[in-house]
C-alpha atoms as a PDB file:
ATOM      1  CA  UNK A   1    -121.366-144.354-129.221  1.00  0.00           C
ATOM      2  CA  UNK A   2    -124.547-145.921-127.819  1.00  0.00           C
ATOM      3  CA  UNK A   3    -125.950-149.201-129.064  1.00  0.00           C
ATOM      4  CA  UNK A   4    -129.764-149.463-128.884  1.00  0.00           C
ATOM      5  CA  UNK A   5    -131.420-151.440-126.108  1.00  0.00           C
ATOM      6  CA  UNK A   6    -132.826-154.620-127.571  1.00  0.00           C
ATOM      7  CA  UNK A   7    -135.979-156.341-126.304  1.00  0.00           C
ATOM      8  CA  UNK A   8    -136.933-154.574-123.104  1.00  0.00           C
ATOM      9  CA  UNK A   9    -138.781-156.701-120.580  1.00  0.00           C
ATOM     10  CA  UNK A  10    -142.543-156.784-121.016  1.00  0.00           C
ATOM     11  CA  UNK A  11    -145.242-156.667-118.326  1.00  0.00           C
ATOM     12  CA  UNK A  12    -146.204-160.291-119.121  1.00  0.00           C
ATOM     13  CA  UNK A  13    -142.651-161.643-118.494  1.00  0.00           C
ATOM     14  CA  UNK A  14    -141.680-162.337-114.872  1.00  0.00           C
ATOM     15  CA  UNK A  15    -138.796-160.161-113.732  1.00  0.00           C
ATOM     16  CA  UNK A  16    -136.543-163.125-112.879  1.00  0.00           C
ATOM     17  CA  UNK A  17    -136.780-164.561-116.415  1.00  0.00           C
ATOM     18  CA  UNK A  18    -137.193-161.362-118.446  1.00  0.00           C
ATOM     19  CA  UNK A  19    -134.055-160.088-120.258  1.00  0.00           C
ATOM     20  CA  UNK A  20    -132.044-157.498-118.385  1.00  0.00           C
ATOM     21  CA  UNK A  21    -130.943-154.147-119.780  1.00  0.00           C
ATOM     22  CA  UNK A  22    -127.320-153.466-118.756  1.00  0.00           C
ATOM     23  CA  UNK A  23    -124.887-150.693-119.517  1.00  0.00           C
ATOM     24  CA  UNK A  24    -121.161-150.852-120.171  1.00  0.00           C
ATOM     25  CA  UNK A  25    -118.814-147.823-120.152  1.00  0.00           C
ATOM     26  CA  UNK A  26    -115.329-147.895-121.507  1.00  0.00           C
ATOM     27  CA  UNK A  27    -113.335-145.457-119.355  1.00  0.00           C
ATOM     28  CA  UNK A  28    -110.321-144.989-121.577  1.00  0.00           C
ATOM     29  CA  UNK A  29    -109.160-141.652-123.127  1.00  0.00           C
ATOM     30  CA  UNK A  30    -108.549-143.338-126.475  1.00  0.00           C
ATOM     31  CA  UNK A  31    -111.859-145.256-126.796  1.00  0.00           C
ATOM     32  CA  UNK A  32    -114.486-143.616-124.534  1.00  0.00           C
ATOM     33  CA  UNK A  33    -117.828-145.208-125.341  1.00  0.00           C
ATOM     34  CA  UNK A  34    -121.029-146.429-123.762  1.00  0.00           C
ATOM     35  CA  UNK A  35    -123.113-149.416-124.741  1.00  0.00           C
ATOM     36  CA  UNK A  36    -126.525-150.485-123.608  1.00  0.00           C
ATOM     37  CA  UNK A  37    -127.266-154.193-124.133  1.00  0.00           C
ATOM     38  CA  UNK A  38    -129.917-156.720-123.191  1.00  0.00           C
ATOM     39  CA  UNK A  39    -128.702-159.950-121.588  1.00  0.00           C
ATOM     40  CA  UNK A  40    -130.650-162.983-120.347  1.00  0.00           C
ATOM     41  CA  UNK A  41    -131.487-163.193-116.644  1.00  0.00           C
ATOM     42  CA  UNK A  42    -128.602-164.708-114.686  1.00  0.00           C
ATOM     43  CA  UNK A  43    -125.882-163.294-117.060  1.00  0.00           C
ATOM     44  CA  UNK A  44    -122.377-162.738-115.780  1.00  0.00           C
ATOM     45  CA  UNK A  45    -119.613-160.282-116.526  1.00  0.00           C
ATOM     46  CA  UNK A  46    -118.135-162.883-118.944  1.00  0.00           C
ATOM     47  CA  UNK A  47    -121.461-162.968-120.866  1.00  0.00           C
ATOM     48  CA  UNK A  48    -121.363-159.143-121.239  1.00  0.00           C
ATOM     49  CA  UNK A  49    -117.712-159.147-122.289  1.00  0.00           C
ATOM     50  CA  UNK A  50    -118.469-161.774-124.940  1.00  0.00           C
ATOM     51  CA  UNK A  51    -121.276-159.622-126.341  1.00  0.00           C
ATOM     52  CA  UNK A  52    -119.022-156.565-126.305  1.00  0.00           C
ATOM     53  CA  UNK A  53    -116.258-158.291-128.291  1.00  0.00           C
ATOM     54  CA  UNK A  54    -117.931-157.554-131.605  1.00  0.00           C
ATOM     55  CA  UNK A  55    -118.812-153.972-130.638  1.00  0.00           C
ATOM     56  CA  UNK A  56    -115.561-152.600-129.210  1.00  0.00           C
ATOM     57  CA  UNK A  57    -112.892-151.087-131.404  1.00  0.00           C
ATOM     58  CA  UNK A  58    -110.142-153.649-132.215  1.00  0.00           C
ATOM     59  CA  UNK A  59    -107.576-151.788-130.044  1.00  0.00           C
ATOM     60  CA  UNK A  60    -109.949-151.839-127.048  1.00  0.00           C
ATOM     61  CA  UNK A  61    -110.550-155.594-127.543  1.00  0.00           C
ATOM     62  CA  UNK A  62    -106.783-156.124-127.562  1.00  0.00           C
ATOM     63  CA  UNK A  63    -106.369-154.017-124.368  1.00  0.00           C
ATOM     64  CA  UNK A  64    -109.169-155.955-122.635  1.00  0.00           C
ATOM     65  CA  UNK A  65    -107.632-159.326-123.593  1.00  0.00           C
ATOM     66  CA  UNK A  66    -104.146-158.168-122.397  1.00  0.00           C
ATOM     67  CA  UNK A  67    -105.512-156.938-119.065  1.00  0.00           C
ATOM     68  CA  UNK A  68    -105.135-153.319-119.994  1.00  0.00           C
ATOM     69  CA  UNK A  69    -108.812-152.679-119.188  1.00  0.00           C
ATOM     70  CA  UNK A  70    -110.248-153.947-115.934  1.00  0.00           C
ATOM     71  CA  UNK A  71    -113.965-154.790-115.569  1.00  0.00           C
ATOM     72  CA  UNK A  72    -115.492-153.010-112.535  1.00  0.00           C
ATOM     73  CA  UNK A  73    -118.939-152.937-110.939  1.00  0.00           C
ATOM     74  CA  UNK A  74    -119.656-149.992-108.639  1.00  0.00           C
ATOM     75  CA  UNK A  75    -115.994-148.961-108.897  1.00  0.00           C
ATOM     76  CA  UNK A  76    -114.594-152.284-107.747  1.00  0.00           C
ATOM     77  CA  UNK A  77    -112.773-154.795-109.921  1.00  0.00           C
ATOM     78  CA  UNK A  78    -114.723-157.978-110.531  1.00  0.00           C
ATOM     79  CA  UNK A  79    -114.020-161.453-111.867  1.00  0.00           C
ATOM     80  CA  UNK A  80    -115.617-162.626-115.126  1.00  0.00           C
ATOM     81  CA  UNK A  81    -117.804-165.032-113.172  1.00  0.00           C
ATOM     82  CA  UNK A  82    -119.386-162.161-111.140  1.00  0.00           C
ATOM     83  CA  UNK A  83    -123.175-162.015-111.660  1.00  0.00           C
ATOM     84  CA  UNK A  84    -124.944-159.020-113.214  1.00  0.00           C
ATOM     85  CA  UNK A  85    -128.341-157.800-112.187  1.00  0.00           C
ATOM     86  CA  UNK A  86    -130.997-155.769-113.916  1.00  0.00           C
ATOM     87  CA  UNK A  87    -129.662-152.269-114.691  1.00  0.00           C
ATOM     88  CA  UNK A  88    -126.094-153.221-113.909  1.00  0.00           C
ATOM     89  CA  UNK A  89    -123.412-150.840-115.043  1.00  0.00           C
ATOM     90  CA  UNK A  90    -120.076-152.409-115.918  1.00  0.00           C
ATOM     91  CA  UNK A  91    -117.123-150.101-116.362  1.00  0.00           C
ATOM     92  CA  UNK A  92    -113.987-151.089-118.288  1.00  0.00           C
ATOM     93  CA  UNK A  93    -111.300-148.972-116.553  1.00  0.00           C
ATOM     94  CA  UNK A  94    -107.585-148.520-116.909  1.00  0.00           C
ATOM     95  CA  UNK A  95    -105.789-150.337-114.080  1.00  0.00           C
ATOM     96  CA  UNK A  96    -104.491-148.255-111.181  1.00  0.00           C
ATOM     97  CA  UNK A  97    -100.841-147.561-111.537  1.00  0.00           C
ATOM     98  CA  UNK A  98    -100.392-147.212-107.792  1.00  0.00           C
ATOM     99  CA  UNK A  99    -102.539-147.815-104.683  1.00  0.00           C
ATOM    100  CA  UNK A 100    -104.395-144.532-103.989  1.00  0.00           C
ATOM    101  CA  UNK A 101    -103.859-144.858-100.249  1.00  0.00           C
ATOM    102  CA  UNK A 102    -100.113-145.352-100.686  1.00  0.00           C
ATOM    103  CA  UNK A 103     -99.941-142.410-103.092  1.00  0.00           C
ATOM    104  CA  UNK A 104    -101.667-140.204-100.533  1.00  0.00           C
ATOM    105  CA  UNK A 105     -99.265-141.272 -97.805  1.00  0.00           C
ATOM    106  CA  UNK A 106     -96.287-140.472-100.032  1.00  0.00           C
ATOM    107  CA  UNK A 107     -97.677-137.016-100.886  1.00  0.00           C
ATOM    108  CA  UNK A 108     -98.377-136.239 -97.203  1.00  0.00           C
ATOM    109  CA  UNK A 109     -94.894-137.347 -96.237  1.00  0.00           C
ATOM    110  CA  UNK A 110     -93.308-135.182 -98.988  1.00  0.00           C
ATOM    111  CA  UNK A 111     -95.414-132.153 -97.862  1.00  0.00           C
ATOM    112  CA  UNK A 112     -94.237-132.652 -94.259  1.00  0.00           C
ATOM    113  CA  UNK A 113     -90.613-132.662 -95.402  1.00  0.00           C
ATOM    114  CA  UNK A 114     -91.199-129.424 -97.304  1.00  0.00           C
END
């Protein structure tokens, strides 16, 4: 599901004050969706999450509120106060169940043992 991009920046508006087009992907097998939104310059992750509250399915909103979906920028978890930039892509991901490095060590150790 893609929401339309509202109010793209115009050539007459300076880049630092023009609205920013940002994208949000929900990386969940039950509610996979993508949204494109326009936020004011200087917006944070919290601003984007507030805008998404009315767009996400109720179950996804509940999962986000309970910590079941983690906001990430460039694959790294971020705090709600993290700033967004023009063209930012926020992903709402399921939290990792185990540290990937630790899981690899355990698999390698098990393979060595046979």
